[in-house]
Amino acid sequence: MDGRTPTVLERGELCCHCLLIETEQGLVLVDTGFGLEDVRHPRDRLSAFFLALLSPDFREEMTAVRQIRKLGFKPTDVRHIVLTHLDFDHAGGLDDFPHATIHMMQQERDHAMAQKTWLDRQRFRPQQWSSWNRWRVYRSGGTDRWFGFDCVRELAGLPPEILLVPLPGHTYGHAGIAVRTSERWLLQAGDAYFYHQEMHATNPWCTPGLRFYQTMMEKDRDARLANQERLRYLRHAHGGELELFCSHDPVEYERARGQSMHVPVGAHGDHVHGTQRYPDAGLHAH
């Protein structure tokens, strides 16, 4: 499953890679992971199917809101949340930030709310959506481009250095989140891919378990595979200009942070260590 657990008899491990950005408009959170209520009442909030399939490791100190407090901030400092998509493991913490405006693609909201299929009802959990009246949605298909990808540049209340980059396939409204720093772009690609070697330019590869999971969860296979190919080219052609990472690969997470994914941010006073600071753009990405 994860490519690094020694045997198939041992439990594989994935992470949920969220990003916290300091801006002049306040804190911006990219995805939320599981929230406090998911940790405290998982059977009320999450589907029995995914609880059995994934067996999440519910640790309150690993929720975004608890880690943000460890960094010395308050939950009310988070003014905006930008979502790659509305799957339960990306949007579970929305309730923990009652003052935040939430940004996502319109297709994502519409398809998630429709609850058309059994799998949709397992992955998209309205129990996590008390924030729905603070959602701001955006259409794709405009004239804006980012390295050849469609993008949404004007996110209400956010600086122009933060973009939505539609990457449909995993869900119909799935998007990457691009963040411009003084040194390079960051692209949080969400679930556009799951394993770091999928981005290898000439020999892409994925573990069998994650390949199966991606196939099971995909809404548009052709779009998903096409976007993976485009991301591979992006990394190969523009790797010096950007850092690309997905949501669930522990290798990419630990490479970016410089610490184990098992250790909460702020646990060792690492407000500066493990933080990328880009003063020219006014954005600090944790």
Protein backbone atom coordinates (compact mmCIF):
# COMPACT_ATOMS: atom_id res chain seq x y z
CA MET A 1 0.00 0.00 0.00
CA ASP A 2 2.56 2.60 1.06
CA GLY A 3 5.69 1.18 -0.56
CA ARG A 4 7.71 1.19 2.64
CA THR A 5 5.98 -1.08 5.17
CA PRO A 6 8.21 -4.21 5.36
CA THR A 7 5.54 -6.89 4.82
CA VAL A 8 1.93 -7.18 3.68
CA LEU A 9 1.09 -8.51 7.15
CA GLU A 10 1.78 -5.08 8.64
CA ARG A 11 -0.46 -2.07 8.42
CA GLY A 12 0.51 0.44 5.73
CA GLU A 13 0.57 4.13 6.57
CA LEU A 14 -0.51 7.21 4.65
CA CYS A 15 -0.69 10.84 5.70
CA CYS A 16 -3.11 13.68 5.02
CA HIS A 17 -0.94 16.58 3.85
CA CYS A 18 -2.54 19.93 4.67
CA LEU A 19 -0.87 23.30 4.20
CA LEU A 20 -1.10 26.38 6.44
CA ILE A 21 -0.26 29.72 4.84
CA GLU A 22 0.28 33.03 6.60
CA THR A 23 -0.95 35.98 4.56
CA GLU A 24 -1.81 39.60 5.23
CA GLN A 25 -5.46 38.52 5.10
CA GLY A 26 -4.93 36.00 7.91
CA LEU A 27 -4.23 32.29 7.88
CA VAL A 28 -5.24 30.18 4.89
CA LEU A 29 -5.61 26.42 5.32
CA VAL A 30 -5.38 24.09 2.31
CA ASP A 31 -7.53 21.05 3.15
CA THR A 32 -8.31 20.14 6.75
CA GLY A 33 -7.84 16.41 7.19
CA PHE A 34 -10.05 14.87 9.87
CA GLY A 35 -11.63 17.21 12.40
CA LEU A 36 -12.22 17.03 16.13
CA GLU A 37 -15.71 15.59 15.74
CA ASP A 38 -14.40 12.89 13.38
CA VAL A 39 -11.88 11.87 16.04
CA ARG A 40 -14.41 11.92 18.87
CA HIS A 41 -17.42 10.42 17.05
CA PRO A 42 -16.16 8.63 13.92
CA ARG A 43 -19.17 6.32 13.58
CA ASP A 44 -21.55 9.27 13.51
CA ARG A 45 -19.53 11.19 10.95
CA LEU A 46 -17.85 8.65 8.66
CA SER A 47 -19.12 5.66 6.75
CA ALA A 48 -18.73 2.17 8.18
CA PHE A 49 -17.33 1.11 4.80
CA PHE A 50 -14.36 3.48 4.92
CA LEU A 51 -13.79 2.98 8.64
CA ALA A 52 -13.40 -0.74 7.97
CA LEU A 53 -11.39 -0.31 4.76
CA LEU A 54 -8.91 2.30 5.99
CA SER A 55 -8.96 1.99 9.80
CA PRO A 56 -7.90 5.63 10.36
CA ASP A 57 -5.58 6.46 13.23
CA PHE A 58 -7.65 9.04 15.11
CA ARG A 59 -5.35 11.28 17.16
CA GLU A 60 -6.76 14.58 18.38
CA GLU A 61 -3.30 16.18 18.54
CA MET A 62 -2.91 15.55 14.79
CA THR A 63 -6.04 17.47 13.79
CA ALA A 64 -5.35 20.73 11.98
CA VAL A 65 -6.96 22.84 14.71
CA ARG A 66 -4.80 21.34 17.46
CA GLN A 67 -1.61 21.69 15.39
CA ILE A 68 -2.45 25.30 14.55
CA ARG A 69 -2.78 26.04 18.28
CA LYS A 70 0.63 24.42 18.82
CA LEU A 71 2.07 26.87 16.32
CA GLY A 72 0.84 29.74 18.48
CA PHE A 73 -2.28 30.68 16.51
CA LYS A 74 -6.00 30.59 17.33
CA PRO A 75 -8.61 28.77 15.22
CA THR A 76 -10.23 32.15 14.55
CA ASP A 77 -6.99 33.25 12.84
CA VAL A 78 -7.89 30.88 9.98
CA ARG A 79 -9.89 33.19 7.72
CA HIS A 80 -9.97 31.01 4.60
CA ILE A 81 -9.91 27.31 3.74
CA VAL A 82 -9.19 26.19 0.17
CA LEU A 83 -10.26 22.62 -0.62
CA THR A 84 -8.89 20.24 -3.19
CA HIS A 85 -12.17 18.32 -2.90
CA LEU A 86 -14.88 17.32 -0.42
CA ASP A 87 -13.91 13.73 0.39
CA PHE A 88 -14.32 12.98 4.11
CA ASP A 89 -10.59 12.87 4.81
CA HIS A 90 -10.01 16.32 3.30
CA ALA A 91 -13.02 18.25 4.63
CA GLY A 92 -13.57 16.74 8.09
CA GLY A 93 -12.09 19.73 9.91
CA LEU A 94 -14.30 22.41 8.34
CA ASP A 95 -16.42 22.61 11.51
CA ASP A 96 -13.33 23.45 13.59
CA PHE A 97 -12.95 26.84 11.89
CA PRO A 98 -16.32 28.62 12.21
CA HIS A 99 -14.96 31.99 11.02
CA ALA A 100 -13.39 30.74 7.80
CA THR A 101 -14.68 31.17 4.26
CA ILE A 102 -14.35 27.91 2.31
CA HIS A 103 -13.33 27.92 -1.35
CA MET A 104 -13.81 25.08 -3.85
CA MET A 105 -14.80 24.34 -7.43
CA GLN A 106 -18.53 24.58 -8.16
CA GLN A 107 -18.57 21.14 -9.76
CA GLU A 108 -17.23 19.68 -6.53
CA ARG A 109 -19.99 21.20 -4.43
CA ASP A 110 -22.73 20.26 -6.89
CA HIS A 111 -21.69 16.62 -7.35
CA ALA A 112 -21.00 16.11 -3.64
CA MET A 113 -24.39 17.48 -2.64
CA ALA A 114 -26.21 15.41 -5.27
CA GLN A 115 -25.26 12.16 -3.43
CA LYS A 116 -26.12 10.21 -6.59
CA THR A 117 -24.35 6.90 -6.00
CA TRP A 118 -23.70 4.61 -3.05
CA LEU A 119 -19.99 5.44 -3.16
CA ASP A 120 -20.77 9.17 -3.27
CA ARG A 121 -22.76 8.79 -0.08
CA GLN A 122 -19.81 7.06 1.59
CA ARG A 123 -17.14 9.55 0.52
CA PHE A 124 -19.08 12.84 0.70
CA ARG A 125 -20.35 13.26 4.27
CA PRO A 126 -22.94 16.02 4.87
CA GLN A 127 -22.40 15.41 8.61
CA GLN A 128 -19.16 17.39 8.12
CA TRP A 129 -20.79 20.32 6.34
CA SER A 130 -22.29 22.66 8.92
CA SER A 131 -20.18 25.31 7.17
CA TRP A 132 -22.11 25.09 3.87
CA ASN A 133 -23.39 28.68 4.12
CA ARG A 134 -19.77 29.90 4.09
CA TRP A 135 -18.82 28.06 0.91
CA ARG A 136 -17.65 30.07 -2.08
CA VAL A 137 -17.56 28.21 -5.38
CA TYR A 138 -15.86 28.87 -8.70
CA ARG A 139 -16.35 27.75 -12.28
CA SER A 140 -13.54 26.47 -14.46
CA GLY A 141 -13.12 26.95 -18.19
CA GLY A 142 -12.00 30.58 -18.23
CA THR A 143 -9.07 32.09 -20.09
CA ASP A 144 -6.61 32.06 -17.18
CA ARG A 145 -3.70 29.63 -17.48
CA TRP A 146 -1.06 28.36 -15.07
CA PHE A 147 1.79 26.42 -16.74
CA GLY A 148 -0.73 25.36 -19.40
CA PHE A 149 -3.43 24.32 -16.90
CA ASP A 150 -6.76 26.06 -16.46
CA CYS A 151 -6.83 27.99 -13.22
CA VAL A 152 -8.99 30.27 -11.09
CA ARG A 153 -6.96 33.30 -9.99
CA GLU A 154 -9.55 35.52 -8.33
CA LEU A 155 -10.47 33.80 -5.05
CA ALA A 156 -12.61 36.14 -2.98
CA GLY A 157 -10.63 37.72 -0.14
CA LEU A 158 -7.43 35.82 -0.95
CA PRO A 159 -4.13 37.16 -2.30
CA PRO A 160 -3.40 36.55 -6.01
CA GLU A 161 -0.58 34.16 -5.06
CA ILE A 162 -3.14 31.41 -4.26
CA LEU A 163 -4.88 29.68 -7.19
CA LEU A 164 -7.32 26.84 -7.80
CA VAL A 165 -6.06 24.53 -10.55
CA PRO A 166 -8.80 22.15 -11.77
CA LEU A 167 -7.55 18.53 -11.88
CA PRO A 168 -10.73 16.49 -12.37
CA GLY A 169 -10.76 12.71 -12.34
CA HIS A 170 -10.61 11.58 -8.72
CA THR A 171 -13.80 13.63 -8.32
CA TYR A 172 -15.52 15.78 -10.94
CA GLY A 173 -14.57 19.02 -9.19
CA HIS A 174 -11.17 17.99 -7.86
CA ALA A 175 -8.51 20.73 -7.94
CA GLY A 176 -4.91 21.36 -7.03
CA ILE A 177 -3.97 24.41 -4.99
CA ALA A 178 -1.05 26.48 -6.31
CA VAL A 179 0.77 28.88 -3.99
CA ARG A 180 3.29 31.40 -5.30
CA THR A 181 6.28 32.11 -3.07
CA SER A 182 9.29 34.33 -3.65
CA GLU A 183 11.38 31.29 -4.60
CA ARG A 184 9.00 28.97 -6.43
CA TRP A 185 5.47 27.71 -6.78
CA LEU A 186 4.02 25.04 -4.50
CA LEU A 187 1.32 22.77 -5.94
CA GLN A 188 -0.73 20.72 -3.51
CA ALA A 189 -2.14 18.26 -6.05
CA GLY A 190 -4.61 16.63 -3.67
CA ASP A 191 -5.59 13.15 -4.83
CA ALA A 192 -4.59 13.66 -8.46
CA TYR A 193 -2.02 10.98 -7.63
CA PHE A 194 -1.19 9.04 -4.45
CA TYR A 195 2.39 7.81 -4.71
CA HIS A 196 5.54 9.83 -5.37
CA GLN A 197 6.88 7.48 -8.04
CA GLU A 198 3.80 8.13 -10.15
CA MET A 199 5.48 11.43 -11.03
CA HIS A 200 8.64 9.76 -12.38
CA ALA A 201 9.19 11.18 -15.88
CA THR A 202 10.08 7.94 -17.71
CA ASN A 203 9.07 5.06 -15.44
CA PRO A 204 5.98 6.01 -13.40
CA TRP A 205 4.89 3.38 -10.91
CA CYS A 206 2.35 2.99 -8.12
CA THR A 207 1.93 0.36 -5.42
CA PRO A 208 -0.78 -2.21 -6.21
CA GLY A 209 -2.88 -1.19 -3.20
CA LEU A 210 -2.92 2.49 -4.09
CA ARG A 211 -3.49 1.71 -7.76
CA PHE A 212 -6.59 -0.27 -6.79
CA TYR A 213 -7.80 2.48 -4.43
CA GLN A 214 -7.42 5.18 -7.06
CA THR A 215 -9.37 3.09 -9.57
CA MET A 216 -12.11 2.39 -7.03
CA MET A 217 -12.49 6.09 -6.19
CA GLU A 218 -12.16 7.65 -9.64
CA LYS A 219 -15.12 9.49 -11.18
CA ASP A 220 -13.51 10.06 -14.61
CA ARG A 221 -10.69 7.65 -15.44
CA ASP A 222 -9.61 9.32 -18.68
CA ALA A 223 -9.38 12.74 -17.01
CA ARG A 224 -7.53 11.34 -14.00
CA LEU A 225 -4.87 9.60 -16.09
CA ALA A 226 -4.52 12.55 -18.45
CA ASN A 227 -3.95 14.91 -15.53
CA GLN A 228 -1.34 12.57 -14.06
CA GLU A 229 0.48 12.68 -17.39
CA ARG A 230 0.29 16.48 -17.45
CA LEU A 231 1.61 16.67 -13.88
CA ARG A 232 4.53 14.42 -14.80
CA TYR A 233 5.40 16.73 -17.66
CA LEU A 234 5.00 19.77 -15.40
CA ARG A 235 7.43 18.35 -12.87
CA HIS A 236 9.90 17.30 -15.56
CA ALA A 237 9.79 20.56 -17.52
CA HIS A 238 9.43 23.04 -14.66
CA GLY A 239 10.82 21.22 -11.63
CA GLY A 240 13.14 24.10 -10.82
CA GLU A 241 10.21 26.50 -10.62
CA LEU A 242 7.85 24.50 -8.43
CA GLU A 243 7.48 21.88 -5.71
CA LEU A 244 4.79 19.30 -6.43
CA PHE A 245 3.25 17.06 -3.77
CA CYS A 246 0.02 15.12 -3.26
CA SER A 247 -2.14 14.65 -0.18
CA HIS A 248 -1.32 11.16 1.06
CA ASP A 249 2.29 10.26 0.29
CA PRO A 250 4.40 10.15 3.49
CA VAL A 251 7.67 10.39 1.53
CA GLU A 252 6.65 13.72 0.01
CA TYR A 253 5.29 14.98 3.33
CA GLU A 254 8.42 14.14 5.28
CA ARG A 255 10.64 15.54 2.53
CA ALA A 256 8.78 18.86 2.68
CA ARG A 257 8.63 19.09 6.46
CA GLY A 258 11.88 17.43 7.45
CA GLN A 259 10.25 15.38 10.23
CA SER A 260 8.26 12.18 10.66
CA MET A 261 4.57 12.33 9.82
CA HIS A 262 3.90 10.82 13.26
CA VAL A 263 5.04 14.01 15.04
CA PRO A 264 2.54 16.90 15.19
CA VAL A 265 3.70 20.25 13.86
CA GLY A 266 4.73 22.45 16.78
CA ALA A 267 5.43 19.51 19.08
CA HIS A 268 9.08 20.57 19.39
CA GLY A 269 8.62 24.31 19.02
CA ASP A 270 9.18 24.08 15.28
CA HIS A 271 7.31 27.21 14.30
CA VAL A 272 10.37 28.14 12.26
CA HIS A 273 11.90 24.68 11.72
CA GLY A 274 9.86 22.87 9.12
CA THR A 275 8.46 26.18 7.89
CA GLN A 276 9.19 27.62 4.48
CA ARG A 277 9.36 31.42 4.69
CA TYR A 278 8.96 33.59 1.61
CA PRO A 279 8.94 37.25 2.66
CA ASP A 280 8.78 38.72 -0.85
CA ALA A 281 5.36 37.21 -1.43
CA GLY A 282 4.21 37.73 2.14
CA LEU A 283 3.33 34.04 2.38
CA HIS A 284 4.70 31.60 4.95
CA ALA A 285 3.81 27.98 4.22
CA HIS A 286 3.83 25.45 7.07
